[in-house]
PDB file of all heavy atoms in Angstrom:
ATOM      1  N   ALA A   1      10.682 -24.168  53.999  1.00  0.00           N
ATOM      2  CA  ALA A   1       9.813 -22.865  53.782  1.00  0.00           C
ATOM      3  C   ALA A   1       9.754 -22.211  55.195  1.00  0.00           C
ATOM      4  O   ALA A   1       9.659 -20.942  55.254  1.00  0.00           O
ATOM      5  CB  ALA A   1       8.543 -23.342  53.279  1.00  0.00           C
ATOM      6  N   ASP A   2       9.712 -23.104  56.168  1.00  0.00           N
ATOM      7  CA  ASP A   2       9.584 -22.345  57.571  1.00  0.00           C
ATOM      8  C   ASP A   2      10.886 -21.683  57.960  1.00  0.00           C
ATOM      9  O   ASP A   2      10.893 -20.777  58.747  1.00  0.00           O
ATOM     10  CB  ASP A   2       9.245 -23.400  58.544  1.00  0.00           C
ATOM     11  CG  ASP A   2       8.470 -22.879  59.818  1.00  0.00           C
ATOM     12  OD1 ASP A   2       7.469 -22.036  59.484  1.00  0.00           O
ATOM     13  OD2 ASP A   2       8.765 -23.218  60.967  1.00  0.00           O
ATOM     14  N   LEU A   3      12.013 -22.225  57.535  1.00  0.00           N
ATOM     15  CA  LEU A   3      13.340 -21.745  57.793  1.00  0.00           C
ATOM     16  C   LEU A   3      13.553 -20.247  57.251  1.00  0.00           C
ATOM     17  O   LEU A   3      14.411 -19.522  57.635  1.00  0.00           O
ATOM     18  CB  LEU A   3      14.430 -22.668  57.378  1.00  0.00           C
ATOM     19  CG  LEU A   3      14.484 -24.052  58.063  1.00  0.00           C
ATOM     20  CD1 LEU A   3      15.540 -24.792  57.427  1.00  0.00           C
ATOM     21  CD2 LEU A   3      14.662 -23.707  59.601  1.00  0.00           C
ATOM     22  N   LEU A   4      12.653 -20.026  56.277  1.00  0.00           N
ATOM     23  CA  LEU A   4      12.762 -18.585  55.566  1.00  0.00           C
ATOM     24  C   LEU A   4      12.625 -17.587  56.731  1.00  0.00           C
ATOM     25  O   LEU A   4      13.135 -16.449  56.571  1.00  0.00           O
ATOM     26  CB  LEU A   4      11.722 -18.510  54.442  1.00  0.00           C
ATOM     27  CG  LEU A   4      12.098 -19.431  53.253  1.00  0.00           C
ATOM     28  CD1 LEU A   4      10.888 -19.223  52.368  1.00  0.00           C
ATOM     29  CD2 LEU A   4      13.340 -18.849  52.547  1.00  0.00           C
ATOM     30  N   GLN A   5      11.621 -17.816  57.675  1.00  0.00           N
ATOM     31  CA  GLN A   5      11.509 -16.884  58.598  1.00  0.00           C
ATOM     32  C   GLN A   5      12.234 -17.115  59.992  1.00  0.00           C
ATOM     33  O   GLN A   5      11.808 -16.595  61.026  1.00  0.00           O
ATOM     34  CB  GLN A   5       9.842 -16.853  58.892  1.00  0.00           C
ATOM     35  CG  GLN A   5       9.119 -16.193  57.781  1.00  0.00           C
ATOM     36  CD  GLN A   5       9.479 -14.849  57.509  1.00  0.00           C
ATOM     37  OE1 GLN A   5       9.648 -14.004  58.442  1.00  0.00           O
ATOM     38  NE2 GLN A   5       9.695 -14.581  56.257  1.00  0.00           N
ATOM     39  N   GLY A   6      13.215 -18.042  59.802  1.00  0.00           N
ATOM     40  CA  GLY A   6      14.035 -18.204  61.013  1.00  0.00           C
ATOM     41  C   GLY A   6      13.537 -19.190  62.033  1.00  0.00           C
ATOM     42  O   GLY A   6      13.969 -19.047  63.264  1.00  0.00           O
ATOM     43  N   VAL A   7      12.435 -19.864  61.824  1.00  0.00           N
ATOM     44  CA  VAL A   7      11.899 -20.762  62.809  1.00  0.00           C
ATOM     45  C   VAL A   7      12.550 -22.010  62.774  1.00  0.00           C
ATOM     46  O   VAL A   7      12.629 -22.842  61.787  1.00  0.00           O
ATOM     47  CB  VAL A   7      10.375 -20.940  62.471  1.00  0.00           C
ATOM     48  CG1 VAL A   7       9.726 -21.868  63.513  1.00  0.00           C
ATOM     49  CG2 VAL A   7       9.562 -19.704  62.457  1.00  0.00           C
ATOM     50  N   ASP A   8      13.244 -22.409  63.869  1.00  0.00           N
ATOM     51  CA  ASP A   8      14.027 -23.608  63.951  1.00  0.00           C
ATOM     52  C   ASP A   8      13.126 -24.754  64.274  1.00  0.00           C
ATOM     53  O   ASP A   8      12.592 -24.904  65.432  1.00  0.00           O
ATOM     54  CB  ASP A   8      15.070 -23.377  65.114  1.00  0.00           C
ATOM     55  CG  ASP A   8      15.907 -24.650  65.169  1.00  0.00           C
ATOM     56  OD1 ASP A   8      15.878 -25.440  64.358  1.00  0.00           O
ATOM     57  OD2 ASP A   8      16.809 -24.659  66.248  1.00  0.00           O
ATOM     58  N   LEU A   9      12.969 -25.743  63.430  1.00  0.00           N
ATOM     59  CA  LEU A   9      12.128 -26.995  63.597  1.00  0.00           C
ATOM     60  C   LEU A   9      13.040 -28.146  63.987  1.00  0.00           C
ATOM     61  O   LEU A   9      12.548 -29.289  64.007  1.00  0.00           O
ATOM     62  CB  LEU A   9      11.512 -27.176  62.273  1.00  0.00           C
ATOM     63  CG  LEU A   9      10.408 -26.273  61.830  1.00  0.00           C
ATOM     64  CD1 LEU A   9       9.794 -26.621  60.546  1.00  0.00           C
ATOM     65  CD2 LEU A   9       9.320 -25.960  62.944  1.00  0.00           C
ATOM     66  N   SER A  10      14.359 -27.883  64.091  1.00  0.00           N
ATOM     67  CA  SER A  10      15.284 -29.063  64.280  1.00  0.00           C
ATOM     68  C   SER A  10      15.298 -29.549  65.811  1.00  0.00           C
ATOM     69  O   SER A  10      15.758 -30.618  66.115  1.00  0.00           O
ATOM     70  CB  SER A  10      16.674 -28.688  63.819  1.00  0.00           C
ATOM     71  OG  SER A  10      17.169 -27.676  64.422  1.00  0.00           O
ATOM     72  N   GLY A  11      15.029 -28.693  66.712  1.00  0.00           N
ATOM     73  CA  GLY A  11      15.174 -28.971  68.090  1.00  0.00           C
ATOM     74  C   GLY A  11      14.241 -30.114  68.501  1.00  0.00           C
ATOM     75  O   GLY A  11      13.006 -30.264  68.034  1.00  0.00           O
ATOM     76  N   SER A  12      14.731 -31.025  69.397  1.00  0.00           N
ATOM     77  CA  SER A  12      13.812 -32.069  69.795  1.00  0.00           C
ATOM     78  C   SER A  12      13.060 -31.661  70.965  1.00  0.00           C
ATOM     79  O   SER A  12      13.222 -30.880  71.773  1.00  0.00           O
ATOM     80  CB  SER A  12      14.804 -33.283  70.249  1.00  0.00           C
ATOM     81  OG  SER A  12      15.521 -32.784  71.340  1.00  0.00           O
ATOM     82  N   ASP A  13      11.784 -32.421  71.008  1.00  0.00           N
ATOM     83  CA  ASP A  13      10.819 -32.100  72.183  1.00  0.00           C
ATOM     84  C   ASP A  13      11.368 -32.643  73.381  1.00  0.00           C
ATOM     85  O   ASP A  13      12.199 -33.559  73.505  1.00  0.00           O
ATOM     86  CB  ASP A  13       9.497 -32.656  71.837  1.00  0.00           C
ATOM     87  CG  ASP A  13       8.793 -32.106  70.630  1.00  0.00           C
ATOM     88  OD1 ASP A  13       8.879 -30.726  70.570  1.00  0.00           O
ATOM     89  OD2 ASP A  13       8.357 -32.841  69.833  1.00  0.00           O
ATOM     90  N   ASP A  14      10.805 -32.086  74.536  1.00  0.00           N
ATOM     91  CA  ASP A  14      11.039 -32.616  75.898  1.00  0.00           C
ATOM     92  C   ASP A  14      10.623 -34.095  75.808  1.00  0.00           C
ATOM     93  O   ASP A  14       9.600 -34.499  75.067  1.00  0.00           O
ATOM     94  CB  ASP A  14      10.212 -31.992  76.872  1.00  0.00           C
ATOM     95  CG  ASP A  14      10.257 -32.523  78.192  1.00  0.00           C
ATOM     96  OD1 ASP A  14      11.165 -32.167  79.034  1.00  0.00           O
ATOM     97  OD2 ASP A  14       9.327 -33.339  78.550  1.00  0.00           O
ATOM     98  N   GLU A  15      11.373 -34.960  76.433  1.00  0.00           N
ATOM     99  CA  GLU A  15      11.318 -36.387  76.440  1.00  0.00           C
ATOM    100  C   GLU A  15       9.743 -36.879  76.819  1.00  0.00           C
ATOM    101  O   GLU A  15       9.186 -37.701  76.194  1.00  0.00           O
ATOM    102  CB  GLU A  15      12.288 -37.061  77.332  1.00  0.00           C
ATOM    103  CG  GLU A  15      12.178 -38.680  77.277  1.00  0.00           C
ATOM    104  CD  GLU A  15      13.262 -39.194  78.163  1.00  0.00           C
ATOM    105  OE1 GLU A  15      14.120 -38.426  78.671  1.00  0.00           O
ATOM    106  OE2 GLU A  15      13.244 -40.391  78.264  1.00  0.00           O
ATOM    107  N   VAL A  16       9.348 -36.219  77.971  1.00  0.00           N
ATOM    108  CA  VAL A  16       8.054 -36.647  78.367  1.00  0.00           C
ATOM    109  C   VAL A  16       6.946 -36.200  77.333  1.00  0.00           C
ATOM    110  O   VAL A  16       6.082 -37.024  77.122  1.00  0.00           O
ATOM    111  CB  VAL A  16       7.706 -35.912  79.786  1.00  0.00           C
ATOM    112  CG1 VAL A  16       6.257 -36.229  80.249  1.00  0.00           C
ATOM    113  CG2 VAL A  16       8.688 -36.384  80.739  1.00  0.00           C
ATOM    114  N   VAL A  17       7.070 -34.954  76.768  1.00  0.00           N
ATOM    115  CA  VAL A  17       6.054 -34.625  75.830  1.00  0.00           C
ATOM    116  C   VAL A  17       6.172 -35.568  74.622  1.00  0.00           C
ATOM    117  O   VAL A  17       5.098 -35.911  74.021  1.00  0.00           O
ATOM    118  CB  VAL A  17       6.312 -33.123  75.398  1.00  0.00           C
ATOM    119  CG1 VAL A  17       5.415 -32.684  74.288  1.00  0.00           C
ATOM    120  CG2 VAL A  17       6.211 -32.160  76.662  1.00  0.00           C
ATOM    121  N   SER A  18       7.343 -35.933  74.145  1.00  0.00           N
ATOM    122  CA  SER A  18       7.526 -36.725  73.096  1.00  0.00           C
ATOM    123  C   SER A  18       6.741 -38.104  73.317  1.00  0.00           C
ATOM    124  O   SER A  18       6.080 -38.659  72.393  1.00  0.00           O
ATOM    125  CB  SER A  18       9.016 -36.999  72.782  1.00  0.00           C
ATOM    126  OG  SER A  18       9.309 -37.822  71.690  1.00  0.00           O
ATOM    127  N   VAL A  19       6.941 -38.688  74.475  1.00  0.00           N
ATOM    128  CA  VAL A  19       6.211 -39.825  74.735  1.00  0.00           C
ATOM    129  C   VAL A  19       4.720 -39.672  74.612  1.00  0.00           C
ATOM    130  O   VAL A  19       3.949 -40.606  74.086  1.00  0.00           O
ATOM    131  CB  VAL A  19       6.665 -40.398  76.172  1.00  0.00           C
ATOM    132  CG1 VAL A  19       5.835 -41.668  76.627  1.00  0.00           C
ATOM    133  CG2 VAL A  19       8.159 -40.737  76.182  1.00  0.00           C
ATOM    134  N   LEU A  20       4.225 -38.683  75.328  1.00  0.00           N
ATOM    135  CA  LEU A  20       2.797 -38.410  75.237  1.00  0.00           C
ATOM    136  C   LEU A  20       2.288 -38.218  73.732  1.00  0.00           C
ATOM    137  O   LEU A  20       1.197 -38.577  73.492  1.00  0.00           O
ATOM    138  CB  LEU A  20       2.448 -37.249  76.107  1.00  0.00           C
ATOM    139  CG  LEU A  20       2.668 -37.355  77.613  1.00  0.00           C
ATOM    140  CD1 LEU A  20       2.520 -36.045  78.263  1.00  0.00           C
ATOM    141  CD2 LEU A  20       1.635 -38.310  78.109  1.00  0.00           C
ATOM    142  N   MET A  21       3.119 -37.522  73.007  1.00  0.00           N
ATOM    143  CA  MET A  21       2.611 -37.396  71.623  1.00  0.00           C
ATOM    144  C   MET A  21       2.611 -38.746  70.808  1.00  0.00           C
ATOM    145  O   MET A  21       1.670 -38.850  70.083  1.00  0.00           O
ATOM    146  CB  MET A  21       3.714 -36.487  70.833  1.00  0.00           C
ATOM    147  CG  MET A  21       3.677 -34.962  71.294  1.00  0.00           C
ATOM    148  SD  MET A  21       4.918 -33.991  70.421  1.00  0.00           S
ATOM    149  CE  MET A  21       4.335 -34.004  68.817  1.00  0.00           C
ATOM    150  N   ASP A  22       3.524 -39.592  71.148  1.00  0.00           N
ATOM    151  CA  ASP A  22       3.555 -40.843  70.562  1.00  0.00           C
ATOM    152  C   ASP A  22       2.449 -41.725  70.946  1.00  0.00           C
ATOM    153  O   ASP A  22       1.743 -42.366  70.155  1.00  0.00           O
ATOM    154  CB  ASP A  22       4.854 -41.658  70.936  1.00  0.00           C
ATOM    155  CG  ASP A  22       6.073 -41.091  70.209  1.00  0.00           C
ATOM    156  OD1 ASP A  22       5.902 -40.447  69.177  1.00  0.00           O
ATOM    157  OD2 ASP A  22       7.190 -41.466  70.660  1.00  0.00           O
ATOM    158  N   LEU A  23       1.970 -41.537  72.197  1.00  0.00           N
ATOM    159  CA  LEU A  23       0.773 -42.315  72.823  1.00  0.00           C
ATOM    160  C   LEU A  23      -0.429 -41.733  72.032  1.00  0.00           C
ATOM    161  O   LEU A  23      -1.338 -42.449  71.674  1.00  0.00           O
ATOM    162  CB  LEU A  23       0.578 -42.082  74.262  1.00  0.00           C
ATOM    163  CG  LEU A  23       1.833 -42.844  75.092  1.00  0.00           C
ATOM    164  CD1 LEU A  23       1.626 -42.393  76.538  1.00  0.00           C
ATOM    165  CD2 LEU A  23       1.608 -44.385  74.910  1.00  0.00           C
ATOM    166  N   ALA A  24      -0.539 -40.343  71.948  1.00  0.00           N
ATOM    167  CA  ALA A  24      -1.727 -39.768  71.294  1.00  0.00           C
ATOM    168  C   ALA A  24      -1.854 -40.271  69.796  1.00  0.00           C
ATOM    169  O   ALA A  24      -2.943 -40.539  69.263  1.00  0.00           O
ATOM    170  CB  ALA A  24      -1.632 -38.313  71.306  1.00  0.00           C
ATOM    171  N   ARG A  25      -0.761 -40.438  69.133  1.00  0.00           N
ATOM    172  CA  ARG A  25      -0.669 -40.849  67.801  1.00  0.00           C
ATOM    173  C   ARG A  25      -1.138 -42.313  67.645  1.00  0.00           C
ATOM    174  O   ARG A  25      -1.357 -42.742  66.374  1.00  0.00           O
ATOM    175  CB  ARG A  25       0.761 -40.716  67.079  1.00  0.00           C
ATOM    176  CG  ARG A  25       1.020 -39.205  66.844  1.00  0.00           C
ATOM    177  CD  ARG A  25       2.251 -38.975  65.989  1.00  0.00           C
ATOM    178  NE  ARG A  25       2.558 -37.548  65.890  1.00  0.00           N
ATOM    179  CZ  ARG A  25       3.660 -37.027  66.551  1.00  0.00           C
ATOM    180  NH1 ARG A  25       4.460 -37.861  67.324  1.00  0.00           N
ATOM    181  NH2 ARG A  25       3.885 -35.813  66.538  1.00  0.00           N
ATOM    182  N   ILE A  26      -1.139 -43.060  68.651  1.00  0.00           N
ATOM    183  CA  ILE A  26      -1.678 -44.447  68.539  1.00  0.00           C
ATOM    184  C   ILE A  26      -2.994 -44.444  67.973  1.00  0.00           C
ATOM    185  O   ILE A  26      -3.388 -45.377  67.241  1.00  0.00           O
ATOM    186  CB  ILE A  26      -1.516 -45.237  69.931  1.00  0.00           C
ATOM    187  CG1 ILE A  26      -0.110 -45.449  70.236  1.00  0.00           C
ATOM    188  CG2 ILE A  26      -2.274 -46.458  69.824  1.00  0.00           C
ATOM    189  CD1 ILE A  26       0.171 -45.975  71.548  1.00  0.00           C
ATOM    190  N   GLU A  27      -3.726 -43.384  68.327  1.00  0.00           N
ATOM    191  CA  GLU A  27      -5.114 -43.294  67.803  1.00  0.00           C
ATOM    192  C   GLU A  27      -5.263 -42.540  66.577  1.00  0.00           C
ATOM    193  O   GLU A  27      -5.988 -42.880  65.717  1.00  0.00           O
ATOM    194  CB  GLU A  27      -6.131 -42.593  68.941  1.00  0.00           C
ATOM    195  CG  GLU A  27      -7.456 -42.464  68.514  1.00  0.00           C
ATOM    196  CD  GLU A  27      -8.365 -41.695  69.461  1.00  0.00           C
ATOM    197  OE1 GLU A  27      -7.817 -41.439  70.583  1.00  0.00           O
ATOM    198  OE2 GLU A  27      -9.420 -41.378  69.142  1.00  0.00           O
ATOM    199  N   THR A  28      -4.552 -41.415  66.429  1.00  0.00           N
ATOM    200  CA  THR A  28      -4.754 -40.554  65.370  1.00  0.00           C
ATOM    201  C   THR A  28      -4.045 -41.052  64.139  1.00  0.00           C
ATOM    202  O   THR A  28      -4.640 -40.790  63.088  1.00  0.00           O
ATOM    203  CB  THR A  28      -4.269 -39.083  65.641  1.00  0.00           C
ATOM    204  OG1 THR A  28      -2.905 -39.119  66.137  1.00  0.00           O
ATOM    205  CG2 THR A  28      -5.105 -38.405  66.761  1.00  0.00           C
ATOM    206  N   ALA A  29      -2.845 -41.771  64.169  1.00  0.00           N
ATOM    207  CA  ALA A  29      -2.152 -42.192  63.051  1.00  0.00           C
ATOM    208  C   ALA A  29      -3.122 -43.182  62.192  1.00  0.00           C
ATOM    209  O   ALA A  29      -3.093 -43.005  60.910  1.00  0.00           O
ATOM    210  CB  ALA A  29      -0.835 -42.862  63.465  1.00  0.00           C
ATOM    211  N   PRO A  30      -3.690 -44.245  62.758  1.00  0.00           N
ATOM    212  CA  PRO A  30      -4.526 -45.025  61.955  1.00  0.00           C
ATOM    213  C   PRO A  30      -5.662 -44.255  61.232  1.00  0.00           C
ATOM    214  O   PRO A  30      -6.118 -44.682  60.168  1.00  0.00           O
ATOM    215  CB  PRO A  30      -5.031 -46.091  62.973  1.00  0.00           C
ATOM    216  CG  PRO A  30      -4.090 -46.019  64.064  1.00  0.00           C
ATOM    217  CD  PRO A  30      -3.699 -44.695  64.241  1.00  0.00           C
ATOM    218  N   ARG A  31      -6.145 -43.389  61.940  1.00  0.00           N
ATOM    219  CA  ARG A  31      -7.338 -42.522  61.427  1.00  0.00           C
ATOM    220  C   ARG A  31      -6.784 -41.765  60.250  1.00  0.00           C
ATOM    221  O   ARG A  31      -7.623 -41.623  59.237  1.00  0.00           O
ATOM    222  CB  ARG A  31      -7.933 -41.568  62.431  1.00  0.00           C
ATOM    223  CG  ARG A  31      -8.681 -42.523  63.697  1.00  0.00           C
ATOM    224  CD  ARG A  31      -9.023 -41.507  64.775  1.00  0.00           C
ATOM    225  NE  ARG A  31     -10.057 -40.651  64.441  1.00  0.00           N
ATOM    226  CZ  ARG A  31     -10.299 -39.378  64.800  1.00  0.00           C
ATOM    227  NH1 ARG A  31      -9.572 -38.934  65.709  1.00  0.00           N
ATOM    228  NH2 ARG A  31     -11.352 -38.693  64.421  1.00  0.00           N
ATOM    229  N   SER A  32      -5.680 -41.124  60.278  1.00  0.00           N
ATOM    230  CA  SER A  32      -4.947 -40.497  59.277  1.00  0.00           C
ATOM    231  C   SER A  32      -4.923 -41.384  57.991  1.00  0.00           C
ATOM    232  O   SER A  32      -5.096 -40.984  56.940  1.00  0.00           O
ATOM    233  CB  SER A  32      -3.687 -39.723  59.650  1.00  0.00           C
ATOM    234  OG  SER A  32      -3.855 -38.973  60.715  1.00  0.00           O
ATOM    235  N   ARG A  33      -4.285 -42.650  58.246  1.00  0.00           N
ATOM    236  CA  ARG A  33      -4.085 -43.483  57.167  1.00  0.00           C
ATOM    237  C   ARG A  33      -5.442 -43.860  56.507  1.00  0.00           C
ATOM    238  O   ARG A  33      -5.423 -44.114  55.327  1.00  0.00           O
ATOM    239  CB  ARG A  33      -3.293 -44.711  57.723  1.00  0.00           C
ATOM    240  CG  ARG A  33      -1.842 -44.250  58.139  1.00  0.00           C
ATOM    241  CD  ARG A  33      -1.059 -45.625  58.310  1.00  0.00           C
ATOM    242  NE  ARG A  33      -1.507 -46.316  59.450  1.00  0.00           N
ATOM    243  CZ  ARG A  33      -0.958 -46.318  60.597  1.00  0.00           C
ATOM    244  NH1 ARG A  33      -0.031 -45.434  60.934  1.00  0.00           N
ATOM    245  NH2 ARG A  33      -1.314 -46.951  61.734  1.00  0.00           N
ATOM    246  N   ALA A  34      -6.445 -44.153  57.383  1.00  0.00           N
ATOM    247  CA  ALA A  34      -7.706 -44.577  56.790  1.00  0.00           C
ATOM    248  C   ALA A  34      -8.345 -43.362  55.892  1.00  0.00           C
ATOM    249  O   ALA A  34      -8.792 -43.758  54.744  1.00  0.00           O
ATOM    250  CB  ALA A  34      -8.722 -44.747  57.948  1.00  0.00           C
ATOM    251  N   PHE A  35      -8.163 -42.135  56.344  1.00  0.00           N
ATOM    252  CA  PHE A  35      -8.650 -41.065  55.455  1.00  0.00           C
ATOM    253  C   PHE A  35      -7.778 -41.102  54.138  1.00  0.00           C
ATOM    254  O   PHE A  35      -8.433 -40.787  52.986  1.00  0.00           O
ATOM    255  CB  PHE A  35      -8.581 -39.778  56.158  1.00  0.00           C
ATOM    256  CG  PHE A  35      -8.934 -38.504  55.265  1.00  0.00           C
ATOM    257  CD1 PHE A  35     -10.163 -38.541  54.621  1.00  0.00           C
ATOM    258  CD2 PHE A  35      -7.972 -37.702  54.860  1.00  0.00           C
ATOM    259  CE1 PHE A  35     -10.512 -37.379  53.855  1.00  0.00           C
ATOM    260  CE2 PHE A  35      -8.322 -36.527  53.987  1.00  0.00           C
ATOM    261  CZ  PHE A  35      -9.506 -36.581  53.463  1.00  0.00           C
ATOM    262  N   ALA A  36      -6.576 -41.134  54.325  1.00  0.00           N
ATOM    263  CA  ALA A  36      -5.588 -41.074  53.046  1.00  0.00           C
ATOM    264  C   ALA A  36      -6.049 -42.100  52.087  1.00  0.00           C
ATOM    265  O   ALA A  36      -6.159 -41.949  50.885  1.00  0.00           O
ATOM    266  CB  ALA A  36      -4.062 -41.262  53.543  1.00  0.00           C
ATOM    267  N   ASP A  37      -6.380 -43.405  52.532  1.00  0.00           N
ATOM    268  CA  ASP A  37      -6.725 -44.444  51.694  1.00  0.00           C
ATOM    269  C   ASP A  37      -7.936 -44.192  51.018  1.00  0.00           C
ATOM    270  O   ASP A  37      -8.320 -44.443  49.848  1.00  0.00           O
ATOM    271  CB  ASP A  37      -6.777 -45.757  52.349  1.00  0.00           C
ATOM    272  CG  ASP A  37      -5.457 -46.259  52.967  1.00  0.00           C
ATOM    273  OD1 ASP A  37      -4.475 -45.899  52.373  1.00  0.00           O
ATOM    274  OD2 ASP A  37      -5.426 -47.077  53.871  1.00  0.00           O
ATOM    275  N   ILE A  38      -8.963 -43.588  51.759  1.00  0.00           N
ATOM    276  CA  ILE A  38     -10.300 -43.292  51.270  1.00  0.00           C
ATOM    277  C   ILE A  38     -10.207 -42.211  50.250  1.00  0.00           C
ATOM    278  O   ILE A  38     -10.834 -42.241  49.061  1.00  0.00           O
ATOM    279  CB  ILE A  38     -11.253 -42.841  52.299  1.00  0.00           C
ATOM    280  CG1 ILE A  38     -11.665 -44.168  53.162  1.00  0.00           C
ATOM    281  CG2 ILE A  38     -12.581 -42.301  51.762  1.00  0.00           C
ATOM    282  CD1 ILE A  38     -12.422 -43.734  54.359  1.00  0.00           C
ATOM    283  N   LEU A  39      -9.316 -41.152  50.477  1.00  0.00           N
ATOM    284  CA  LEU A  39      -9.029 -40.150  49.475  1.00  0.00           C
ATOM    285  C   LEU A  39      -8.387 -40.555  48.168  1.00  0.00           C
ATOM    286  O   LEU A  39      -8.931 -40.222  47.114  1.00  0.00           O
ATOM    287  CB  LEU A  39      -8.062 -39.062  50.243  1.00  0.00           C
ATOM    288  CG  LEU A  39      -7.785 -37.775  49.382  1.00  0.00           C
ATOM    289  CD1 LEU A  39      -9.050 -37.163  48.921  1.00  0.00           C
ATOM    290  CD2 LEU A  39      -6.796 -36.895  50.187  1.00  0.00           C
ATOM    291  N   VAL A  40      -7.526 -41.483  48.204  1.00  0.00           N
ATOM    292  CA  VAL A  40      -6.952 -42.181  47.121  1.00  0.00           C
ATOM    293  C   VAL A  40      -7.978 -42.809  46.262  1.00  0.00           C
ATOM    294  O   VAL A  40      -8.137 -42.549  45.047  1.00  0.00           O
ATOM    295  CB  VAL A  40      -5.707 -43.009  47.335  1.00  0.00           C
ATOM    296  CG1 VAL A  40      -5.335 -43.766  46.044  1.00  0.00           C
ATOM    297  CG2 VAL A  40      -4.524 -42.316  47.966  1.00  0.00           C
TER     298      VAL A  40
END
């Protein structure tokens, strides 16, 4: 759906930013899963 407007989502992030994103998800990913389980 995003490609309909020519927005390229396939490019990889800068390596440092990617690492920092992974670190941030260490906290947010379990919280997302917890909400998903409660929602089900």
